[in-house]
C-alpha atoms as a PDB file:
ATOM      1  CA  MET A   1      -3.057  25.996 -18.760  1.00  0.00           C
ATOM      2  CA  SER A   2      -5.771  27.962 -17.047  1.00  0.00           C
ATOM      3  CA  ARG A   3      -8.644  30.331 -17.627  1.00  0.00           C
ATOM      4  CA  GLU A   4      -9.970  33.405 -15.888  1.00  0.00           C
ATOM      5  CA  GLY A   5     -12.768  32.743 -13.414  1.00  0.00           C
ATOM      6  CA  CYS A   6     -12.038  29.011 -13.070  1.00  0.00           C
ATOM      7  CA  HIS A   7     -12.096  27.941  -9.415  1.00  0.00           C
ATOM      8  CA  ALA A   8     -10.345  24.627 -10.165  1.00  0.00           C
ATOM      9  CA  CYS A   9      -7.654  26.605 -12.011  1.00  0.00           C
ATOM     10  CA  ASP A  10      -7.155  28.889  -9.022  1.00  0.00           C
ATOM     11  CA  ASP A  11      -6.721  25.840  -6.780  1.00  0.00           C
ATOM     12  CA  ALA A  12      -4.269  24.220  -9.209  1.00  0.00           C
ATOM     13  CA  ILE A  13      -2.246  27.434  -9.517  1.00  0.00           C
ATOM     14  CA  ALA A  14      -1.954  27.652  -5.726  1.00  0.00           C
ATOM     15  CA  ASP A  15      -0.795  24.020  -5.552  1.00  0.00           C
ATOM     16  CA  VAL A  16       1.732  24.403  -8.382  1.00  0.00           C
ATOM     17  CA  ARG A  17       3.040  27.675  -6.909  1.00  0.00           C
ATOM     18  CA  ARG A  18       3.601  25.992  -3.532  1.00  0.00           C
ATOM     19  CA  ILE A  19       5.144  22.788  -4.901  1.00  0.00           C
ATOM     20  CA  CYS A  20       7.414  24.527  -7.395  1.00  0.00           C
ATOM     21  CA  GLY A  21       8.448  27.027  -4.730  1.00  0.00           C
ATOM     22  CA  GLU A  22       9.408  24.228  -2.369  1.00  0.00           C
ATOM     23  CA  LEU A  23      11.391  22.460  -5.108  1.00  0.00           C
ATOM     24  CA  GLY A  24      12.928  25.617  -6.589  1.00  0.00           C
ATOM     25  CA  VAL A  25      11.379  24.976 -10.011  1.00  0.00           C
ATOM     26  CA  GLY A  26      10.254  27.779 -12.303  1.00  0.00           C
ATOM     27  CA  TRP A  27       6.720  27.774 -13.661  1.00  0.00           C
ATOM     28  CA  SER A  28       4.242  29.913 -15.573  1.00  0.00           C
ATOM     29  CA  VAL A  29       0.536  30.137 -16.327  1.00  0.00           C
ATOM     30  CA  SER A  30      -1.047  30.532 -19.755  1.00  0.00           C
ATOM     31  CA  ASP A  31      -4.687  31.490 -20.228  1.00  0.00           C
ATOM     32  CA  VAL A  32      -6.226  29.187 -22.856  1.00  0.00           C
ATOM     33  CA  ASP A  33      -8.721  31.862 -23.830  1.00  0.00           C
ATOM     34  CA  THR A  34      -5.994  34.186 -25.148  1.00  0.00           C
ATOM     35  CA  ASP A  35      -5.125  31.847 -28.038  1.00  0.00           C
ATOM     36  CA  SER A  36      -7.522  29.905 -30.271  1.00  0.00           C
ATOM     37  CA  GLU A  37      -5.121  26.959 -30.610  1.00  0.00           C
ATOM     38  CA  LEU A  38      -4.673  26.659 -26.837  1.00  0.00           C
ATOM     39  CA  ARG A  39      -8.429  26.951 -26.335  1.00  0.00           C
ATOM     40  CA  ALA A  40      -9.073  24.211 -28.915  1.00  0.00           C
ATOM     41  CA  GLU A  41      -6.468  21.890 -27.377  1.00  0.00           C
ATOM     42  CA  TYR A  42      -6.994  22.438 -23.651  1.00  0.00           C
ATOM     43  CA  GLY A  43     -10.176  24.479 -23.185  1.00  0.00           C
ATOM     44  CA  ASP A  44     -12.415  21.596 -22.105  1.00  0.00           C
ATOM     45  CA  ARG A  45      -9.904  20.212 -19.595  1.00  0.00           C
ATOM     46  CA  VAL A  46      -8.516  23.185 -17.659  1.00  0.00           C
ATOM     47  CA  PRO A  47      -6.584  23.312 -15.535  1.00  0.00           C
ATOM     48  CA  VAL A  48      -3.961  21.377 -17.488  1.00  0.00           C
ATOM     49  CA  ILE A  49      -0.439  20.837 -16.145  1.00  0.00           C
ATOM     50  CA  LEU A  50       2.388  20.695 -18.686  1.00  0.00           C
ATOM     51  CA  ILE A  51       5.951  19.747 -17.868  1.00  0.00           C
ATOM     52  CA  ASP A  52       8.464  20.796 -20.514  1.00  0.00           C
ATOM     53  CA  GLY A  53       5.581  21.196 -22.967  1.00  0.00           C
ATOM     54  CA  VAL A  54       4.212  17.688 -22.404  1.00  0.00           C
ATOM     55  CA  GLU A  55       0.827  17.165 -20.793  1.00  0.00           C
ATOM     56  CA  HIS A  56       1.231  15.799 -17.271  1.00  0.00           C
ATOM     57  CA  GLY A  57      -2.369  15.960 -16.030  1.00  0.00           C
ATOM     58  CA  PHE A  58      -5.603  17.907 -15.947  1.00  0.00           C
ATOM     59  CA  TRP A  59      -8.490  19.000 -13.712  1.00  0.00           C
ATOM     60  CA  LYS A  60      -6.493  18.634 -10.476  1.00  0.00           C
ATOM     61  CA  VAL A  61      -2.919  18.478  -9.214  1.00  0.00           C
ATOM     62  CA  GLU A  62      -1.790  15.043  -8.106  1.00  0.00           C
ATOM     63  CA  GLU A  63       0.820  16.341  -5.695  1.00  0.00           C
ATOM     64  CA  GLU A  64       3.097  13.322  -5.236  1.00  0.00           C
ATOM     65  CA  ARG A  65       3.024  12.498  -8.954  1.00  0.00           C
ATOM     66  CA  LEU A  66       3.883  16.106  -9.818  1.00  0.00           C
ATOM     67  CA  ARG A  67       6.705  16.161  -7.276  1.00  0.00           C
ATOM     68  CA  ARG A  68       8.192  12.970  -8.735  1.00  0.00           C
ATOM     69  CA  ALA A  69       7.998  14.338 -12.267  1.00  0.00           C
ATOM     70  CA  LEU A  70       9.626  17.630 -11.305  1.00  0.00           C
ATOM     71  CA  ARG A  71      12.470  15.898  -9.470  1.00  0.00           C
ATOM     72  CA  SER A  72      13.431  13.764 -12.483  1.00  0.00           C
END
């Protein structure tokens, strides 16, 4: 989950893009400001990382933790 103009989101997207690319895992970005439910749920904590729809973390990418989660 991300939002336009969020520097932390841009950093997280770059990290996720790199990590998922290295592991061959698909990923996508959703802008919380395009949906009122997403904004209510995640808007104060972006960026938020979800794995299979379950919240994995927020505000920054913990690289080794994300790698472990994506490998399992």
